[in-house]
Amino acid sequence: MTLTRVIVLLGCGLASSLFGELPVWAQAFTSGSTGSLGAFAPATNTVVTLPADGILNYTTVTIPVGVTVTFQPNAANTPVTMLATGDVLIAGVVNLDGATGTGYGPNVPPGGAGGPGGFRGGQGGAKGAINNAASGGQGPGGGTTSASYGGGGSYGAPNTFVSLLPLFGGSGGGGYPGNTGQAGIAGGGGGGAIVIGSSTKITLTGTIFARGGDGGPPGIIYAGGGSGGAIRLVSPEIAGTGTLNVLYGQGGTPQPTVGRARLEAFRMNFAGSIYPSTSILTVTTTCGPITSNSVPALANLPTLRISAIAGVNTPAATGGTYSTADLTLPGGTTNPVNITVTGTNIPVGSTFQLKQIPQFAAAAVPLTATSTGTFATSTATFSVTLPVGQVSVLNAWSDFTLP
């Protein structure tokens, strides 16, 4: 199985996810890096600002012992795609952890941000007797929320999804309610997602982190932790004794889940480990596609997005936070509203799912609808009642098999 993730998290927003099965690829591989950024060799802790597509084109990558590399997400919150024409050596740390949820206080705490490519946790409930419910975590496996706890986020894909292609991060944990004296606790963000590709060799002796964030600060972890994220390494040879860490964040009932990792190499000389050992790790001696420029090339990738709400087209770029709505419906709009989800390169008759996550209420049970149209472009329409005067987030996804 594979999952396509397109983030269009609207204020009445969405995150789109697709599952499908991909073919086997021949044993020929180049990463697709253009080398335009030259050699990446930070000598101190470094924050890399991701370009709009999330793709970093290097000649070589060398991260020494004692150096930690983190990433500033782009507007679309894409996963990190780190490519090199030559060798990649990671002796230090690459960190894509989700953020910890914030704790009690007078103001509503926003959900912990997901790592790059991961989903945000649910916000804590407001202070006061009215509207003090928390919100659920974002993502296809977003954690639930109730009057007594926040649920942990799950990765959001079935265990059969092991290709990590397309790539996406972990889902956020659910928030914890507020009360008359103070606001609640925010859920942790899901771990991020990264693919590292080298046309020659990847050596990992350090650590790559894609952990979920905790559901609240130490000592008051009542909200749900985010799920672990996803790490994929692709190269003709992979070596080293390092660690891939996709642990979930602390907190949540039910407990959050671990993330995924995948190693692809013709010569597999990796003697390191994945943490925790219960995480899903896939090791293969074939090298699959990464981008449209890699060999093999990634082509005709399925996509899914919420394209219209109550007849209003959604914006191309969205932020997916409750603080700033990405789409405001015109005055006079009445419930229920029709929401259109549009897919490309998806078999007609696939089941699309839509989940509403209100700002001050538990997430609704996902709705389902069958797509119509053509393989090239298909749609499904949902009838949804949106809370009046509240911002909502909408998540959409589909699970299907490609012929």
Protein backbone atom coordinates (compact mmCIF):
# COMPACT_ATOMS: atom_id res chain seq x y z
CA MET A 1 0.00 0.00 0.00
CA THR A 2 1.11 3.59 -0.44
CA LEU A 3 -0.29 6.87 0.72
CA THR A 4 -0.43 10.17 -1.09
CA ARG A 5 -0.64 13.14 1.15
CA VAL A 6 -1.57 16.59 -0.09
CA ILE A 7 -1.97 19.15 2.67
CA VAL A 8 -4.77 21.62 2.14
CA LEU A 9 -5.68 22.02 5.77
CA LEU A 10 -8.33 24.68 5.58
CA GLY A 11 -9.77 26.86 8.28
CA CYS A 12 -12.75 24.91 7.15
CA GLY A 13 -9.73 22.94 6.06
CA LEU A 14 -8.40 19.57 5.02
CA ALA A 15 -5.55 17.16 4.80
CA SER A 16 -5.78 14.76 1.93
CA SER A 17 -4.41 11.26 1.92
CA LEU A 18 -4.52 8.47 -0.63
CA PHE A 19 -3.61 4.83 -0.40
CA GLY A 20 -2.69 2.67 -3.38
CA GLU A 21 -0.46 -0.16 -4.57
CA LEU A 22 2.62 0.51 -6.76
CA PRO A 23 4.55 -1.66 -9.25
CA VAL A 24 7.98 -3.24 -8.74
CA TRP A 25 10.87 -1.14 -10.10
CA ALA A 26 13.94 -2.27 -12.04
CA GLN A 27 17.39 -2.19 -10.42
CA ALA A 28 18.66 1.13 -11.73
CA PHE A 29 18.84 4.20 -9.55
CA THR A 30 19.94 7.83 -9.39
CA SER A 31 18.58 10.18 -6.77
CA GLY A 32 17.50 12.90 -9.20
CA SER A 33 19.47 15.62 -7.42
CA THR A 34 20.48 18.55 -9.62
CA GLY A 35 23.29 19.46 -7.23
CA SER A 36 22.16 23.10 -7.36
CA LEU A 37 22.76 23.69 -3.63
CA GLY A 38 26.29 22.29 -3.71
CA ALA A 39 27.78 20.40 -0.77
CA PHE A 40 25.91 20.49 2.56
CA ALA A 41 28.42 20.29 5.41
CA PRO A 42 27.22 22.23 8.47
CA ALA A 43 29.82 22.75 11.22
CA THR A 44 27.27 23.86 13.86
CA ASN A 45 23.60 23.21 14.59
CA THR A 46 21.65 24.31 11.53
CA VAL A 47 18.03 25.04 10.58
CA VAL A 48 17.36 24.39 6.90
CA THR A 49 14.52 26.41 5.35
CA LEU A 50 12.59 24.14 3.02
CA PRO A 51 11.77 25.36 -0.50
CA ALA A 52 8.17 25.29 -1.70
CA ASP A 53 8.43 21.71 -2.98
CA GLY A 54 10.47 20.46 -0.02
CA ILE A 55 13.28 19.19 -2.31
CA LEU A 56 16.91 19.90 -1.35
CA ASN A 57 19.36 19.26 -4.21
CA TYR A 58 22.91 18.71 -2.92
CA THR A 59 26.10 17.24 -4.34
CA THR A 60 27.13 15.64 -1.05
CA VAL A 61 25.82 15.70 2.53
CA THR A 62 28.11 15.50 5.57
CA ILE A 63 26.62 16.03 9.05
CA PRO A 64 29.40 15.53 11.62
CA VAL A 65 29.20 14.30 15.21
CA GLY A 66 27.81 16.97 17.53
CA VAL A 67 25.79 18.75 14.83
CA THR A 68 21.97 18.70 14.71
CA VAL A 69 20.06 19.62 11.56
CA THR A 70 16.41 20.69 11.79
CA PHE A 71 14.04 22.14 9.22
CA GLN A 72 11.80 25.19 8.87
CA PRO A 73 8.60 23.87 7.22
CA ASN A 74 7.30 25.46 4.03
CA ALA A 75 3.77 26.85 3.59
CA ALA A 76 2.44 23.52 2.30
CA ASN A 77 4.15 21.56 5.10
CA THR A 78 5.63 19.06 2.67
CA PRO A 79 7.91 16.22 3.77
CA VAL A 80 11.66 16.74 3.47
CA THR A 81 13.27 15.36 0.32
CA MET A 82 17.07 15.46 0.72
CA LEU A 83 18.92 14.39 -2.44
CA ALA A 84 22.61 14.07 -3.29
CA THR A 85 24.55 13.21 -6.42
CA GLY A 86 27.36 11.82 -4.21
CA ASP A 87 27.71 10.33 -0.75
CA VAL A 88 25.55 11.12 2.28
CA LEU A 89 27.21 10.77 5.70
CA ILE A 90 25.14 11.39 8.83
CA ALA A 91 27.23 11.08 11.98
CA GLY A 92 25.28 13.75 13.85
CA VAL A 93 21.51 14.21 14.19
CA VAL A 94 18.71 14.93 11.74
CA ASN A 95 15.59 15.95 13.67
CA LEU A 96 11.98 16.06 12.40
CA ASP A 97 10.17 15.66 15.73
CA GLY A 98 6.63 16.90 16.26
CA ALA A 99 6.19 19.69 18.82
CA THR A 100 5.00 19.15 22.39
CA GLY A 101 1.54 20.43 23.28
CA THR A 102 1.44 23.40 25.63
CA GLY A 103 -0.16 23.21 29.09
CA TYR A 104 -2.63 24.95 31.37
CA GLY A 105 -2.98 28.73 31.23
CA PRO A 106 -5.47 31.54 30.57
CA ASN A 107 -5.39 31.25 26.76
CA VAL A 108 -6.39 28.44 24.41
CA PRO A 109 -3.20 26.51 23.57
CA PRO A 110 -2.81 25.62 19.87
CA GLY A 111 -1.97 22.04 19.01
CA GLY A 112 1.68 21.10 18.79
CA ALA A 113 2.92 21.49 15.22
CA GLY A 114 3.78 18.35 13.32
CA GLY A 115 7.31 17.85 12.11
CA PRO A 116 7.76 18.71 8.41
CA GLY A 117 5.19 16.59 6.60
CA GLY A 118 3.44 15.65 9.87
CA PHE A 119 0.07 16.75 11.24
CA ARG A 120 -0.77 19.18 14.04
CA GLY A 121 -2.14 18.08 17.41
CA GLY A 122 -5.56 19.16 18.65
CA GLN A 123 -5.84 22.44 20.54
CA GLY A 124 -6.69 22.53 24.23
CA GLY A 125 -10.13 23.56 25.38
CA ALA A 126 -10.94 27.19 26.24
CA LYS A 127 -11.17 28.57 29.76
CA GLY A 128 -14.79 29.04 30.87
CA ALA A 129 -18.02 27.14 31.15
CA ILE A 130 -18.86 27.59 27.46
CA ASN A 131 -16.86 26.15 24.56
CA ASN A 132 -14.30 24.49 26.81
CA ALA A 133 -14.09 21.27 24.78
CA ALA A 134 -10.79 20.51 23.06
CA SER A 135 -10.31 19.59 19.39
CA GLY A 136 -9.15 16.31 17.91
CA GLY A 137 -5.73 15.78 16.37
CA GLN A 138 -5.26 16.40 12.65
CA GLY A 139 -4.32 13.79 10.08
CA PRO A 140 -5.96 10.52 8.95
CA GLY A 141 -5.09 8.97 12.33
CA GLY A 142 -5.70 12.08 14.46
CA GLY A 143 -6.31 11.45 18.16
CA THR A 144 -9.79 11.77 19.62
CA THR A 145 -10.91 14.03 22.46
CA SER A 146 -13.47 13.66 25.23
CA ALA A 147 -14.45 15.19 28.56
CA SER A 148 -11.77 13.21 30.37
CA TYR A 149 -8.76 12.73 28.06
CA GLY A 150 -7.12 13.31 24.72
CA GLY A 151 -6.48 10.29 22.52
CA GLY A 152 -3.06 9.51 21.07
CA GLY A 153 -2.51 9.90 17.34
CA SER A 154 -2.04 6.86 15.11
CA TYR A 155 0.14 6.91 12.02
CA GLY A 156 -2.99 6.88 9.87
CA ALA A 157 -2.30 4.11 7.35
CA PRO A 158 -2.83 0.32 7.52
CA ASN A 159 0.15 -1.86 8.42
CA THR A 160 0.29 -3.02 4.79
CA PHE A 161 1.43 0.48 3.80
CA VAL A 162 5.18 -0.07 3.82
CA SER A 163 6.47 1.59 0.64
CA LEU A 164 6.32 5.12 2.17
CA LEU A 165 5.62 6.29 -1.32
CA PRO A 166 4.07 8.78 -1.43
CA LEU A 167 5.55 10.01 1.83
CA PHE A 168 3.72 11.58 4.79
CA GLY A 169 4.27 12.07 8.50
CA GLY A 170 2.42 11.13 11.67
CA SER A 171 -0.96 12.32 12.93
CA GLY A 172 -1.48 14.61 15.91
CA GLY A 173 -2.83 13.73 19.35
CA GLY A 174 -6.19 14.97 20.64
CA GLY A 175 -6.44 17.96 23.00
CA TYR A 176 -7.58 17.99 26.64
CA PRO A 177 -10.61 20.10 27.73
CA GLY A 178 -10.45 23.37 29.62
CA ASN A 179 -12.50 24.24 32.70
CA THR A 180 -13.86 27.30 34.47
CA GLY A 181 -10.44 28.16 35.90
CA GLN A 182 -8.03 27.56 33.05
CA ALA A 183 -7.64 26.49 29.45
CA GLY A 184 -6.87 22.87 28.60
CA ILE A 185 -3.82 21.11 27.18
CA ALA A 186 -2.89 20.77 23.52
CA GLY A 187 -2.09 17.48 21.81
CA GLY A 188 1.37 16.71 20.48
CA GLY A 189 2.22 17.03 16.80
CA GLY A 190 2.90 14.01 14.63
CA GLY A 191 6.47 13.15 13.72
CA GLY A 192 7.66 14.52 10.39
CA ALA A 193 8.64 12.67 7.24
CA ILE A 194 11.89 12.56 5.29
CA VAL A 195 13.31 10.73 2.31
CA ILE A 196 17.07 10.82 1.80
CA GLY A 197 18.39 9.71 -1.58
CA SER A 198 21.99 9.34 -2.74
CA SER A 199 23.18 8.25 -6.17
CA THR A 200 26.20 6.56 -4.55
CA LYS A 201 26.03 5.71 -0.81
CA ILE A 202 24.32 6.62 2.47
CA THR A 203 26.23 6.02 5.71
CA LEU A 204 24.30 6.55 8.94
CA THR A 205 26.26 6.38 12.20
CA GLY A 206 24.23 9.08 13.96
CA THR A 207 20.46 9.36 14.48
CA ILE A 208 17.46 10.44 12.43
CA PHE A 209 14.53 11.45 14.65
CA ALA A 210 10.90 11.62 13.49
CA ARG A 211 9.19 11.31 16.88
CA GLY A 212 5.71 12.42 17.85
CA GLY A 213 5.39 15.31 20.30
CA ASP A 214 4.15 14.80 23.86
CA GLY A 215 0.58 15.66 24.81
CA GLY A 216 1.44 18.54 27.13
CA PRO A 217 4.61 19.53 29.01
CA PRO A 218 6.29 17.23 31.56
CA GLY A 219 4.14 16.52 34.58
CA ILE A 220 0.79 17.41 32.98
CA ILE A 221 0.61 15.07 29.99
CA TYR A 222 -3.18 14.66 29.77
CA ALA A 223 -3.59 15.33 26.07
CA GLY A 224 -2.71 12.81 23.36
CA GLY A 225 0.80 12.38 22.06
CA GLY A 226 1.46 12.54 18.34
CA SER A 227 2.28 9.40 16.40
CA GLY A 228 5.72 8.65 15.09
CA GLY A 229 6.58 9.87 11.59
CA ALA A 230 8.32 8.27 8.60
CA ILE A 231 11.92 7.87 7.41
CA ARG A 232 12.93 6.50 4.00
CA LEU A 233 16.53 5.99 2.81
CA VAL A 234 17.26 5.15 -0.84
CA SER A 235 20.70 4.54 -2.35
CA PRO A 236 22.69 1.88 -4.21
CA GLU A 237 24.41 1.21 -0.86
CA ILE A 238 23.35 1.89 2.72
CA ALA A 239 25.83 1.33 5.58
CA GLY A 240 26.49 2.35 9.18
CA THR A 241 25.44 1.53 12.72
CA GLY A 242 23.14 4.46 13.42
CA THR A 243 19.53 4.71 14.58
CA LEU A 244 16.17 5.56 13.00
CA ASN A 245 13.83 6.80 15.75
CA VAL A 246 10.06 7.01 15.04
CA LEU A 247 8.76 6.80 18.62
CA TYR A 248 5.32 8.23 19.49
CA GLY A 249 4.87 11.11 21.93
CA GLN A 250 3.84 10.53 25.54
CA GLY A 251 0.21 10.79 26.66
CA GLY A 252 -3.16 9.67 25.42
CA THR A 253 -5.93 7.14 25.82
CA PRO A 254 -5.75 5.22 23.58
CA GLN A 255 -1.98 5.37 23.39
CA PRO A 256 -0.40 6.85 20.25
CA THR A 257 1.35 4.58 17.76
CA VAL A 258 4.85 4.30 16.34
CA GLY A 259 5.89 5.44 12.88
CA ARG A 260 7.47 3.76 9.87
CA ALA A 261 10.92 3.38 8.31
CA ARG A 262 12.10 1.95 5.01
CA LEU A 263 15.58 1.19 3.64
CA GLU A 264 16.13 0.60 -0.09
CA ALA A 265 19.57 -0.43 -1.40
CA PHE A 266 21.10 -2.90 -3.84
CA ARG A 267 23.92 -3.42 -1.29
CA MET A 268 22.47 -3.40 2.21
CA ASN A 269 25.32 -3.09 4.71
CA PHE A 270 23.37 -1.28 7.43
CA ALA A 271 23.95 -2.74 10.90
CA GLY A 272 22.08 -0.08 12.86
CA SER A 273 18.64 -0.20 14.44
CA ILE A 274 15.16 1.26 14.48
CA TYR A 275 13.65 2.56 17.72
CA PRO A 276 11.36 1.40 19.15
CA SER A 277 11.73 -2.15 17.90
CA THR A 278 7.94 -2.41 17.51
CA SER A 279 8.04 0.14 14.68
CA ILE A 280 7.34 -1.05 11.15
CA LEU A 281 10.67 -1.36 9.32
CA THR A 282 10.91 -2.49 5.71
CA VAL A 283 14.24 -3.40 4.10
CA THR A 284 14.45 -4.13 0.38
CA THR A 285 17.20 -4.66 -2.21
CA THR A 286 15.44 -2.59 -4.85
CA CYS A 287 15.46 1.20 -5.13
CA GLY A 288 12.18 2.92 -5.93
CA PRO A 289 11.43 6.39 -7.30
CA ILE A 290 11.73 9.60 -5.29
CA THR A 291 10.94 12.48 -7.66
CA SER A 292 10.16 13.02 -11.33
CA ASN A 293 13.92 13.48 -11.90
CA SER A 294 15.06 10.28 -10.19
CA VAL A 295 15.75 6.99 -11.97
CA PRO A 296 13.31 5.30 -11.80
CA ALA A 297 11.14 8.40 -12.04
CA LEU A 298 8.06 9.13 -9.98
CA ALA A 299 5.17 9.67 -12.40
CA ASN A 300 1.38 9.95 -12.37
CA LEU A 301 1.20 10.19 -8.61
CA PRO A 302 -2.38 10.15 -7.28
CA THR A 303 -3.56 13.36 -5.62
CA LEU A 304 -6.56 14.27 -3.51
CA ARG A 305 -7.80 17.69 -2.36
CA ILE A 306 -10.90 19.41 -1.07
CA SER A 307 -11.70 21.63 -4.03
CA ALA A 308 -14.89 23.46 -2.98
CA ILE A 309 -17.01 24.14 0.11
CA ALA A 310 -20.57 25.43 -0.35
CA GLY A 311 -19.69 26.28 -3.94
CA VAL A 312 -16.64 28.37 -2.94
CA ASN A 313 -13.34 27.19 -4.40
CA THR A 314 -10.64 26.51 -1.83
CA PRO A 315 -7.33 28.40 -1.98
CA ALA A 316 -4.24 26.75 -3.42
CA ALA A 317 -2.18 27.37 -0.28
CA THR A 318 -3.59 26.89 3.22
CA GLY A 319 -2.30 26.96 6.78
CA GLY A 320 -4.63 24.63 8.63
CA THR A 321 -4.71 26.49 11.97
CA TYR A 322 -7.73 27.61 13.96
CA SER A 323 -6.22 31.06 14.53
CA THR A 324 -6.55 32.08 10.89
CA ALA A 325 -9.29 30.62 8.70
CA ASP A 326 -8.18 29.82 5.16
CA LEU A 327 -11.73 30.02 3.84
CA THR A 328 -14.63 32.07 5.19
CA LEU A 329 -18.05 31.22 3.79
CA PRO A 330 -20.20 34.16 2.68
CA GLY A 331 -23.01 35.50 4.88
CA GLY A 332 -26.30 33.74 4.34
CA THR A 333 -24.69 30.32 3.83
CA THR A 334 -26.91 27.70 5.46
CA ASN A 335 -26.26 24.19 6.70
CA PRO A 336 -25.74 21.57 5.52
CA VAL A 337 -23.09 22.55 2.95
CA ASN A 338 -21.79 20.46 0.08
CA ILE A 339 -18.06 19.73 0.14
CA THR A 340 -16.39 18.51 -3.04
CA VAL A 341 -13.29 16.33 -2.93
CA THR A 342 -11.37 15.94 -6.19
CA GLY A 343 -8.83 13.24 -7.02
CA THR A 344 -6.47 12.58 -9.91
CA ASN A 345 -5.06 9.23 -11.06
CA ILE A 346 -7.43 7.33 -8.76
CA PRO A 347 -9.62 4.39 -9.86
CA VAL A 348 -13.25 5.44 -10.31
CA GLY A 349 -15.48 3.98 -7.61
CA SER A 350 -12.89 4.44 -4.86
CA THR A 351 -14.17 5.37 -1.40
CA PHE A 352 -13.28 8.89 -0.30
CA GLN A 353 -13.49 9.73 3.40
CA LEU A 354 -14.01 13.14 5.01
CA LYS A 355 -13.54 13.98 8.70
CA GLN A 356 -14.63 17.23 10.32
CA ILE A 357 -12.58 18.51 13.29
CA PRO A 358 -14.37 21.47 14.94
CA GLN A 359 -12.42 23.92 17.07
CA PHE A 360 -14.40 23.30 20.27
CA ALA A 361 -15.86 19.82 19.92
CA ALA A 362 -14.90 16.21 19.33
CA ALA A 363 -14.19 15.26 15.72
CA ALA A 364 -17.15 13.81 13.85
CA VAL A 365 -17.18 10.23 12.61
CA PRO A 366 -15.68 10.25 9.09
CA LEU A 367 -18.18 10.35 6.23
CA THR A 368 -17.71 8.18 3.15
CA ALA A 369 -18.67 8.69 -0.50
CA THR A 370 -17.92 6.84 -3.73
CA SER A 371 -16.00 8.71 -6.42
CA THR A 372 -17.34 9.26 -9.92
CA GLY A 373 -15.76 10.58 -13.11
CA THR A 374 -12.63 9.24 -14.79
CA PHE A 375 -9.31 7.81 -13.67
CA ALA A 376 -7.71 11.14 -14.61
CA THR A 377 -10.18 13.24 -12.60
CA SER A 378 -12.76 11.95 -10.13
CA THR A 379 -14.90 13.62 -7.48
CA ALA A 380 -17.08 12.85 -4.49
CA THR A 381 -19.52 15.19 -2.74
CA PHE A 382 -20.30 15.24 1.00
CA SER A 383 -23.13 16.97 2.86
CA VAL A 384 -21.74 18.41 6.10
CA THR A 385 -23.18 20.53 8.91
CA LEU A 386 -20.51 22.99 10.03
CA PRO A 387 -20.63 24.55 13.53
CA VAL A 388 -21.80 28.16 13.28
CA GLY A 389 -19.26 30.72 14.50
CA GLN A 390 -16.43 28.18 14.77
CA VAL A 391 -13.49 27.35 12.57
CA SER A 392 -13.32 23.70 11.50
CA VAL A 393 -10.60 21.62 9.93
CA LEU A 394 -11.52 19.00 7.34
CA ASN A 395 -9.39 15.94 6.55
CA ALA A 396 -9.97 13.87 3.41
CA TRP A 397 -8.37 10.60 2.37
CA SER A 398 -8.90 7.48 0.29
CA ASP A 399 -7.71 3.87 0.34
CA PHE A 400 -7.52 2.10 -3.04
CA THR A 401 -5.51 -0.30 -5.19
CA LEU A 402 -3.96 0.88 -8.43
CA PRO A 403 -4.28 -1.58 -11.34
